Amino acid sequence: MKKIILVLFLAVTAVSCVSTKSTLKNVDDNAPDLVLKKNNTFAITLFSSDKKYGYDPDYPINIFFQNTNNEALNETRFLNALAGPNGEKITYTRLETCCPFPTKRSSMGAGFLNVYDLKWEGQKKPVKLYLNIYEKGILMVPIGLTLKND
């Protein structure tokens, strides 16, 4: 009985942590569907001019993709398309999941951002990017990064 009460308490607490209004500023349900290249990365043609894009939890990189539920696959498709500022090969590590927000695209009614640490040779300090698999948006290269040459 104590376990049931604890589970119910945790469930209510988790749901109450999600605001009923999203703080995400760059969701665009009319954004075109993402396109895959032959090397299984997303085809990205635009470069962001907004210094918050991808670097601020309110302006995450929205990589919603209709044909899969595997978040790691979509994140990999995006991150593997990127390079450092001078074309350097990047490595990345998933740091955490954070920043709950309401969404209709999740069975829980809430989505979370995944935070990645990006590194490349000669870099002074790692770059932290916020990725969102639940919402659509225009896919762009964040300021300070480039596209990998294929």
N, C-alpha and C. Protein backbone atom coordinates (compact mmCIF):
# COMPACT_ATOMS: atom_id res chain seq x y z
N MET A 1 0.83 -1.20 0.00
CA MET A 1 0.00 0.00 0.00
C MET A 1 0.87 1.26 0.00
N LYS A 2 1.97 1.22 0.78
CA LYS A 2 2.86 2.38 0.83
C LYS A 2 3.47 2.66 -0.54
N LYS A 3 3.76 1.58 -1.28
CA LYS A 3 4.35 1.75 -2.61
C LYS A 3 3.37 2.43 -3.55
N ILE A 4 2.11 2.05 -3.47
CA ILE A 4 1.08 2.65 -4.34
C ILE A 4 0.94 4.14 -4.02
N ILE A 5 0.92 4.48 -2.77
CA ILE A 5 0.81 5.89 -2.36
C ILE A 5 2.03 6.67 -2.83
N LEU A 6 3.21 6.08 -2.69
CA LEU A 6 4.43 6.75 -3.13
C LEU A 6 4.41 6.97 -4.63
N VAL A 7 3.99 5.97 -5.40
CA VAL A 7 3.93 6.10 -6.86
C VAL A 7 2.93 7.19 -7.25
N LEU A 8 1.77 7.20 -6.62
CA LEU A 8 0.78 8.24 -6.91
C LEU A 8 1.31 9.63 -6.57
N PHE A 9 1.98 9.75 -5.44
CA PHE A 9 2.56 11.03 -5.03
C PHE A 9 3.59 11.50 -6.06
N LEU A 10 4.46 10.60 -6.48
CA LEU A 10 5.49 10.96 -7.46
C LEU A 10 4.87 11.36 -8.81
N ALA A 11 3.83 10.65 -9.22
CA ALA A 11 3.16 10.96 -10.48
C ALA A 11 2.52 12.35 -10.42
N VAL A 12 1.83 12.65 -9.34
CA VAL A 12 1.20 13.97 -9.18
C VAL A 12 2.26 15.06 -9.12
N THR A 13 3.33 14.81 -8.42
CA THR A 13 4.42 15.78 -8.32
C THR A 13 5.03 16.05 -9.68
N ALA A 14 5.29 15.00 -10.45
CA ALA A 14 5.90 15.15 -11.78
C ALA A 14 5.00 15.96 -12.71
N VAL A 15 3.70 15.66 -12.69
CA VAL A 15 2.76 16.37 -13.55
C VAL A 15 2.63 17.83 -13.12
N SER A 16 2.67 18.09 -11.84
CA SER A 16 2.51 19.46 -11.35
C SER A 16 3.72 20.33 -11.68
N CYS A 17 4.85 19.71 -12.02
CA CYS A 17 6.05 20.47 -12.37
C CYS A 17 5.97 21.03 -13.78
N VAL A 18 5.03 20.57 -14.58
CA VAL A 18 4.91 21.02 -15.95
C VAL A 18 3.88 22.14 -16.00
N SER A 19 4.31 23.28 -16.46
CA SER A 19 3.42 24.42 -16.60
C SER A 19 2.36 24.11 -17.66
N THR A 20 1.21 24.76 -17.60
CA THR A 20 0.18 24.54 -18.59
C THR A 20 0.42 25.38 -19.84
N LYS A 21 1.37 26.31 -19.77
CA LYS A 21 1.70 27.15 -20.91
C LYS A 21 3.16 26.94 -21.27
N SER A 22 3.41 26.68 -22.53
CA SER A 22 4.76 26.43 -22.99
C SER A 22 5.56 27.72 -23.03
N THR A 23 6.85 27.62 -22.67
CA THR A 23 7.74 28.77 -22.75
C THR A 23 8.55 28.76 -24.04
N LEU A 24 8.38 27.71 -24.86
CA LEU A 24 9.15 27.61 -26.10
C LEU A 24 8.73 28.71 -27.07
N LYS A 25 9.71 29.40 -27.62
CA LYS A 25 9.44 30.57 -28.47
C LYS A 25 9.52 30.29 -29.96
N ASN A 26 10.10 29.15 -30.36
CA ASN A 26 10.35 28.95 -31.78
C ASN A 26 9.65 27.72 -32.36
N VAL A 27 8.51 27.35 -31.83
CA VAL A 27 7.73 26.24 -32.38
C VAL A 27 7.00 26.75 -33.61
N ASP A 28 7.03 25.96 -34.68
CA ASP A 28 6.36 26.33 -35.92
C ASP A 28 5.73 25.07 -36.52
N ASP A 29 4.44 24.88 -36.28
CA ASP A 29 3.75 23.69 -36.79
C ASP A 29 3.68 23.68 -38.32
N ASN A 30 3.93 24.81 -38.96
CA ASN A 30 3.90 24.88 -40.42
C ASN A 30 5.29 24.69 -41.04
N ALA A 31 6.28 24.41 -40.22
CA ALA A 31 7.63 24.18 -40.73
C ALA A 31 7.61 22.97 -41.65
N PRO A 32 8.43 22.99 -42.69
CA PRO A 32 8.45 21.84 -43.60
C PRO A 32 8.99 20.60 -42.89
N ASP A 33 8.55 19.43 -43.35
CA ASP A 33 9.06 18.19 -42.79
C ASP A 33 10.56 18.11 -43.04
N LEU A 34 11.26 17.46 -42.14
CA LEU A 34 12.70 17.32 -42.26
C LEU A 34 13.03 16.29 -43.33
N VAL A 35 14.14 16.53 -44.02
CA VAL A 35 14.56 15.68 -45.13
C VAL A 35 15.86 15.00 -44.76
N LEU A 36 15.96 13.72 -45.08
CA LEU A 36 17.19 12.97 -44.82
C LEU A 36 18.07 12.96 -46.06
N LYS A 37 19.38 13.08 -45.82
CA LYS A 37 20.36 12.93 -46.89
C LYS A 37 20.76 11.46 -46.98
N LYS A 38 21.50 11.11 -48.03
CA LYS A 38 21.92 9.72 -48.22
C LYS A 38 22.77 9.20 -47.07
N ASN A 39 23.49 10.10 -46.38
CA ASN A 39 24.35 9.67 -45.27
C ASN A 39 23.58 9.58 -43.94
N ASN A 40 22.25 9.63 -44.01
CA ASN A 40 21.37 9.50 -42.84
C ASN A 40 21.51 10.65 -41.84
N THR A 41 21.83 11.84 -42.36
CA THR A 41 21.77 13.05 -41.53
C THR A 41 20.67 13.93 -42.10
N PHE A 42 20.21 14.89 -41.32
CA PHE A 42 19.19 15.81 -41.83
C PHE A 42 19.83 16.77 -42.82
N ALA A 43 19.11 17.07 -43.87
CA ALA A 43 19.53 18.08 -44.84
C ALA A 43 19.20 19.45 -44.24
N ILE A 44 20.22 20.21 -43.96
CA ILE A 44 20.05 21.53 -43.35
C ILE A 44 20.62 22.57 -44.31
N THR A 45 19.84 23.58 -44.63
CA THR A 45 20.29 24.60 -45.57
C THR A 45 20.33 26.00 -44.96
N LEU A 46 19.74 26.16 -43.79
CA LEU A 46 19.65 27.49 -43.18
C LEU A 46 20.59 27.62 -41.99
N PHE A 47 21.08 28.84 -41.79
CA PHE A 47 21.94 29.16 -40.65
C PHE A 47 21.22 30.20 -39.80
N SER A 48 21.12 29.96 -38.51
CA SER A 48 20.42 30.87 -37.61
C SER A 48 21.22 32.16 -37.43
N SER A 49 20.49 33.25 -37.29
CA SER A 49 21.11 34.53 -36.95
C SER A 49 20.76 34.91 -35.51
N ASP A 50 20.00 34.04 -34.85
CA ASP A 50 19.58 34.28 -33.46
C ASP A 50 20.56 33.59 -32.51
N LYS A 51 21.25 34.38 -31.68
CA LYS A 51 22.25 33.80 -30.78
C LYS A 51 21.63 32.90 -29.71
N LYS A 52 20.30 32.94 -29.53
CA LYS A 52 19.65 32.08 -28.55
C LYS A 52 19.29 30.70 -29.14
N TYR A 53 19.20 30.61 -30.48
CA TYR A 53 18.75 29.39 -31.13
C TYR A 53 19.65 28.21 -30.77
N GLY A 54 19.06 27.24 -30.07
CA GLY A 54 19.79 26.05 -29.67
C GLY A 54 20.56 26.19 -28.37
N TYR A 55 20.88 27.42 -27.98
CA TYR A 55 21.69 27.65 -26.78
C TYR A 55 20.86 28.03 -25.56
N ASP A 56 19.60 28.30 -25.76
CA ASP A 56 18.70 28.73 -24.69
C ASP A 56 17.53 27.74 -24.64
N PRO A 57 17.16 27.27 -23.45
CA PRO A 57 16.06 26.29 -23.37
C PRO A 57 14.72 26.79 -23.92
N ASP A 58 14.53 28.10 -24.01
CA ASP A 58 13.30 28.63 -24.60
C ASP A 58 13.36 28.68 -26.12
N TYR A 59 14.54 28.45 -26.70
CA TYR A 59 14.74 28.46 -28.15
C TYR A 59 15.49 27.19 -28.58
N PRO A 60 14.92 26.02 -28.27
CA PRO A 60 15.63 24.77 -28.60
C PRO A 60 15.60 24.48 -30.10
N ILE A 61 16.41 23.54 -30.51
CA ILE A 61 16.40 23.07 -31.88
C ILE A 61 15.31 22.01 -31.96
N ASN A 62 14.27 22.31 -32.70
CA ASN A 62 13.10 21.43 -32.79
C ASN A 62 13.32 20.42 -33.92
N ILE A 63 13.52 19.16 -33.55
CA ILE A 63 13.83 18.13 -34.55
C ILE A 63 12.73 17.07 -34.63
N PHE A 64 11.50 17.50 -34.44
CA PHE A 64 10.37 16.59 -34.57
C PHE A 64 10.43 15.93 -35.95
N PHE A 65 10.25 14.62 -35.97
CA PHE A 65 10.32 13.89 -37.22
C PHE A 65 9.24 12.83 -37.20
N GLN A 66 8.30 12.88 -38.13
CA GLN A 66 7.10 12.07 -38.09
C GLN A 66 7.33 10.57 -38.23
N ASN A 67 8.41 10.14 -38.81
CA ASN A 67 8.55 8.73 -39.13
C ASN A 67 9.26 7.88 -38.10
N THR A 68 9.54 8.42 -36.93
CA THR A 68 10.23 7.62 -35.93
C THR A 68 9.90 8.11 -34.52
N ASN A 69 9.96 7.22 -33.59
CA ASN A 69 9.79 7.58 -32.18
C ASN A 69 11.11 7.49 -31.44
N ASN A 70 12.19 7.21 -32.15
CA ASN A 70 13.48 7.02 -31.52
C ASN A 70 14.19 8.36 -31.42
N GLU A 71 14.14 8.98 -30.26
CA GLU A 71 14.71 10.32 -30.10
C GLU A 71 16.21 10.35 -30.36
N ALA A 72 16.93 9.33 -29.96
CA ALA A 72 18.38 9.32 -30.16
C ALA A 72 18.71 9.32 -31.65
N LEU A 73 17.91 8.65 -32.46
CA LEU A 73 18.15 8.61 -33.89
C LEU A 73 18.02 10.00 -34.51
N ASN A 74 16.98 10.72 -34.15
CA ASN A 74 16.78 12.06 -34.69
C ASN A 74 17.84 13.03 -34.20
N GLU A 75 18.21 12.91 -32.95
CA GLU A 75 19.25 13.78 -32.42
C GLU A 75 20.57 13.50 -33.13
N THR A 76 20.86 12.23 -33.36
CA THR A 76 22.08 11.84 -34.08
C THR A 76 22.05 12.36 -35.51
N ARG A 77 20.91 12.28 -36.16
CA ARG A 77 20.78 12.78 -37.53
C ARG A 77 21.09 14.27 -37.60
N PHE A 78 20.70 15.00 -36.60
CA PHE A 78 20.98 16.44 -36.57
C PHE A 78 22.45 16.70 -36.22
N LEU A 79 22.89 16.14 -35.10
CA LEU A 79 24.24 16.43 -34.62
C LEU A 79 25.32 15.95 -35.59
N ASN A 80 25.10 14.84 -36.27
CA ASN A 80 26.09 14.34 -37.22
C ASN A 80 26.19 15.19 -38.49
N ALA A 81 25.26 16.09 -38.69
CA ALA A 81 25.32 17.01 -39.84
C ALA A 81 26.18 18.24 -39.53
N LEU A 82 26.50 18.45 -38.26
CA LEU A 82 27.21 19.66 -37.84
C LEU A 82 28.73 19.49 -37.80
N ALA A 83 29.42 20.63 -37.85
CA ALA A 83 30.87 20.69 -37.68
C ALA A 83 31.19 21.92 -36.84
N GLY A 84 32.42 21.98 -36.39
CA GLY A 84 32.87 23.15 -35.62
C GLY A 84 32.89 24.39 -36.50
N PRO A 85 33.30 25.53 -35.93
CA PRO A 85 33.25 26.80 -36.67
C PRO A 85 34.12 26.83 -37.93
N ASN A 86 35.17 26.04 -37.95
CA ASN A 86 36.04 25.98 -39.13
C ASN A 86 35.98 24.61 -39.80
N GLY A 87 34.87 23.92 -39.63
CA GLY A 87 34.70 22.61 -40.23
C GLY A 87 35.27 21.46 -39.42
N GLU A 88 35.66 21.71 -38.17
CA GLU A 88 36.23 20.67 -37.32
C GLU A 88 35.20 19.57 -37.05
N LYS A 89 35.70 18.36 -36.92
CA LYS A 89 34.86 17.22 -36.54
C LYS A 89 34.43 17.43 -35.08
N ILE A 90 33.14 17.28 -34.84
CA ILE A 90 32.65 17.44 -33.47
C ILE A 90 32.38 16.08 -32.83
N THR A 91 32.47 16.06 -31.52
CA THR A 91 32.00 14.93 -30.74
C THR A 91 30.94 15.49 -29.80
N TYR A 92 30.02 14.65 -29.40
CA TYR A 92 28.95 15.13 -28.53
C TYR A 92 28.59 14.07 -27.50
N THR A 93 28.10 14.58 -26.38
CA THR A 93 27.67 13.74 -25.27
C THR A 93 26.35 14.28 -24.75
N ARG A 94 25.41 13.39 -24.53
CA ARG A 94 24.14 13.82 -23.92
C ARG A 94 24.39 14.02 -22.44
N LEU A 95 24.11 15.23 -21.96
CA LEU A 95 24.35 15.57 -20.56
C LEU A 95 23.16 15.27 -19.66
N GLU A 96 21.98 15.69 -20.11
CA GLU A 96 20.81 15.57 -19.24
C GLU A 96 19.53 15.78 -20.04
N THR A 97 18.43 15.50 -19.39
CA THR A 97 17.11 15.83 -19.88
C THR A 97 16.56 16.85 -18.91
N CYS A 98 15.98 17.91 -19.44
CA CYS A 98 15.53 18.99 -18.55
C CYS A 98 14.30 19.68 -19.11
N CYS A 99 13.91 20.68 -18.39
CA CYS A 99 13.02 21.74 -18.88
C CYS A 99 11.67 21.23 -19.38
N PRO A 100 10.85 20.61 -18.55
CA PRO A 100 9.55 20.09 -19.01
C PRO A 100 8.66 21.20 -19.55
N PHE A 101 7.87 20.84 -20.56
CA PHE A 101 6.92 21.78 -21.16
C PHE A 101 5.71 20.99 -21.64
N PRO A 102 4.54 21.61 -21.73
CA PRO A 102 3.35 20.91 -22.20
C PRO A 102 3.39 20.69 -23.71
N THR A 103 2.92 19.53 -24.15
CA THR A 103 2.84 19.25 -25.58
C THR A 103 1.75 18.22 -25.83
N LYS A 104 1.11 18.34 -26.97
CA LYS A 104 0.09 17.36 -27.38
C LYS A 104 0.73 16.19 -28.09
N ARG A 105 2.03 16.25 -28.36
CA ARG A 105 2.72 15.21 -29.12
C ARG A 105 3.36 14.15 -28.24
N SER A 106 2.97 14.10 -27.00
CA SER A 106 3.49 13.10 -26.07
C SER A 106 2.32 12.47 -25.34
N SER A 107 2.38 11.17 -25.13
CA SER A 107 1.29 10.50 -24.42
C SER A 107 1.18 10.98 -22.97
N MET A 108 2.26 11.52 -22.41
CA MET A 108 2.24 12.04 -21.04
C MET A 108 1.67 13.45 -20.98
N GLY A 109 1.60 14.13 -22.14
CA GLY A 109 1.15 15.52 -22.15
C GLY A 109 2.28 16.49 -21.87
N ALA A 110 3.49 15.96 -21.72
CA ALA A 110 4.65 16.81 -21.44
C ALA A 110 5.83 16.35 -22.28
N GLY A 111 6.65 17.30 -22.65
CA GLY A 111 7.88 17.00 -23.36
C GLY A 111 9.07 17.49 -22.55
N PHE A 112 10.24 17.04 -22.93
CA PHE A 112 11.47 17.44 -22.25
C PHE A 112 12.52 17.75 -23.30
N LEU A 113 13.44 18.61 -22.94
CA LEU A 113 14.57 18.91 -23.81
C LEU A 113 15.74 18.03 -23.45
N ASN A 114 16.51 17.63 -24.45
CA ASN A 114 17.75 16.90 -24.20
C ASN A 114 18.90 17.86 -24.42
N VAL A 115 19.83 17.87 -23.48
CA VAL A 115 20.96 18.79 -23.51
C VAL A 115 22.21 18.02 -23.93
N TYR A 116 22.89 18.55 -24.94
CA TYR A 116 24.11 17.92 -25.45
C TYR A 116 25.30 18.86 -25.30
N ASP A 117 26.44 18.25 -25.01
CA ASP A 117 27.71 18.94 -24.91
C ASP A 117 28.48 18.65 -26.20
N LEU A 118 28.86 19.69 -26.94
CA LEU A 118 29.60 19.52 -28.19
C LEU A 118 31.04 19.98 -28.00
N LYS A 119 31.98 19.19 -28.54
CA LYS A 119 33.40 19.52 -28.43
C LYS A 119 34.08 19.30 -29.78
N TRP A 120 35.15 20.05 -30.01
CA TRP A 120 35.99 19.87 -31.18
C TRP A 120 37.40 20.32 -30.85
N GLU A 121 38.34 19.91 -31.67
CA GLU A 121 39.74 20.22 -31.42
C GLU A 121 39.98 21.73 -31.47
N GLY A 122 40.74 22.23 -30.48
CA GLY A 122 41.07 23.65 -30.43
C GLY A 122 40.03 24.51 -29.74
N GLN A 123 38.97 23.92 -29.29
CA GLN A 123 37.87 24.65 -28.66
C GLN A 123 38.27 25.08 -27.24
N LYS A 124 37.88 26.28 -26.86
CA LYS A 124 38.20 26.80 -25.52
C LYS A 124 37.28 26.20 -24.45
N LYS A 125 35.97 26.18 -24.71
CA LYS A 125 35.04 25.57 -23.76
C LYS A 125 33.92 24.90 -24.53
N PRO A 126 33.38 23.79 -23.99
CA PRO A 126 32.33 23.05 -24.71
C PRO A 126 31.09 23.90 -24.96
N VAL A 127 30.36 23.53 -25.98
CA VAL A 127 29.11 24.19 -26.36
C VAL A 127 27.97 23.30 -25.89
N LYS A 128 26.96 23.91 -25.30
CA LYS A 128 25.79 23.18 -24.83
C LYS A 128 24.60 23.53 -25.72
N LEU A 129 23.98 22.48 -26.33
CA LEU A 129 22.80 22.67 -27.18
C LEU A 129 21.58 22.00 -26.58
N TYR A 130 20.41 22.65 -26.74
CA TYR A 130 19.13 22.12 -26.29
C TYR A 130 18.36 21.61 -27.50
N LEU A 131 17.98 20.32 -27.47
CA LEU A 131 17.25 19.70 -28.57
C LEU A 131 15.87 19.25 -28.10
N ASN A 132 14.89 19.43 -28.98
CA ASN A 132 13.49 19.12 -28.67
C ASN A 132 12.95 18.19 -29.76
N ILE A 133 12.59 16.97 -29.37
CA ILE A 133 12.06 16.01 -30.35
C ILE A 133 10.53 16.06 -30.46
N TYR A 134 9.88 16.88 -29.67
CA TYR A 134 8.42 16.86 -29.61
C TYR A 134 7.74 17.87 -30.53
N GLU A 135 8.41 18.96 -30.85
CA GLU A 135 7.78 20.03 -31.61
C GLU A 135 8.49 20.25 -32.94
N LYS A 136 7.78 20.90 -33.86
CA LYS A 136 8.35 21.24 -35.16
C LYS A 136 8.90 22.66 -35.13
N GLY A 137 9.83 22.90 -36.00
CA GLY A 137 10.39 24.23 -36.17
C GLY A 137 11.28 24.22 -37.39
N ILE A 138 11.72 25.38 -37.81
CA ILE A 138 12.64 25.48 -38.93
C ILE A 138 14.00 25.00 -38.45
N LEU A 139 14.55 24.00 -39.11
CA LEU A 139 15.84 23.43 -38.71
C LEU A 139 16.98 24.27 -39.28
N MET A 140 17.86 24.73 -38.39
CA MET A 140 18.97 25.58 -38.79
C MET A 140 20.24 25.18 -38.06
N VAL A 141 21.37 25.66 -38.56
CA VAL A 141 22.65 25.50 -37.90
C VAL A 141 22.78 26.64 -36.89
N PRO A 142 23.05 26.32 -35.62
CA PRO A 142 23.21 27.39 -34.62
C PRO A 142 24.45 28.25 -34.91
N ILE A 143 24.40 29.50 -34.48
CA ILE A 143 25.53 30.41 -34.61
C ILE A 143 26.77 29.76 -34.01
N GLY A 144 27.91 29.91 -34.68
CA GLY A 144 29.17 29.37 -34.19
C GLY A 144 29.48 27.98 -34.69
N LEU A 145 28.53 27.36 -35.39
CA LEU A 145 28.76 26.01 -35.94
C LEU A 145 28.61 26.08 -37.46
N THR A 146 29.06 25.03 -38.13
CA THR A 146 28.93 24.92 -39.58
C THR A 146 28.38 23.55 -39.93
N LEU A 147 28.24 23.29 -41.20
CA LEU A 147 27.81 21.98 -41.67
C LEU A 147 29.01 21.14 -42.04
N LYS A 148 28.91 19.86 -41.76
CA LYS A 148 29.96 18.92 -42.12
C LYS A 148 30.01 18.77 -43.64
N ASN A 149 31.21 18.75 -44.18
CA ASN A 149 31.37 18.49 -45.62
C ASN A 149 31.25 17.00 -45.85
N ASP A 150 30.38 16.61 -46.76
CA ASP A 150 30.21 15.17 -47.05
C ASP A 150 30.94 14.78 -48.31
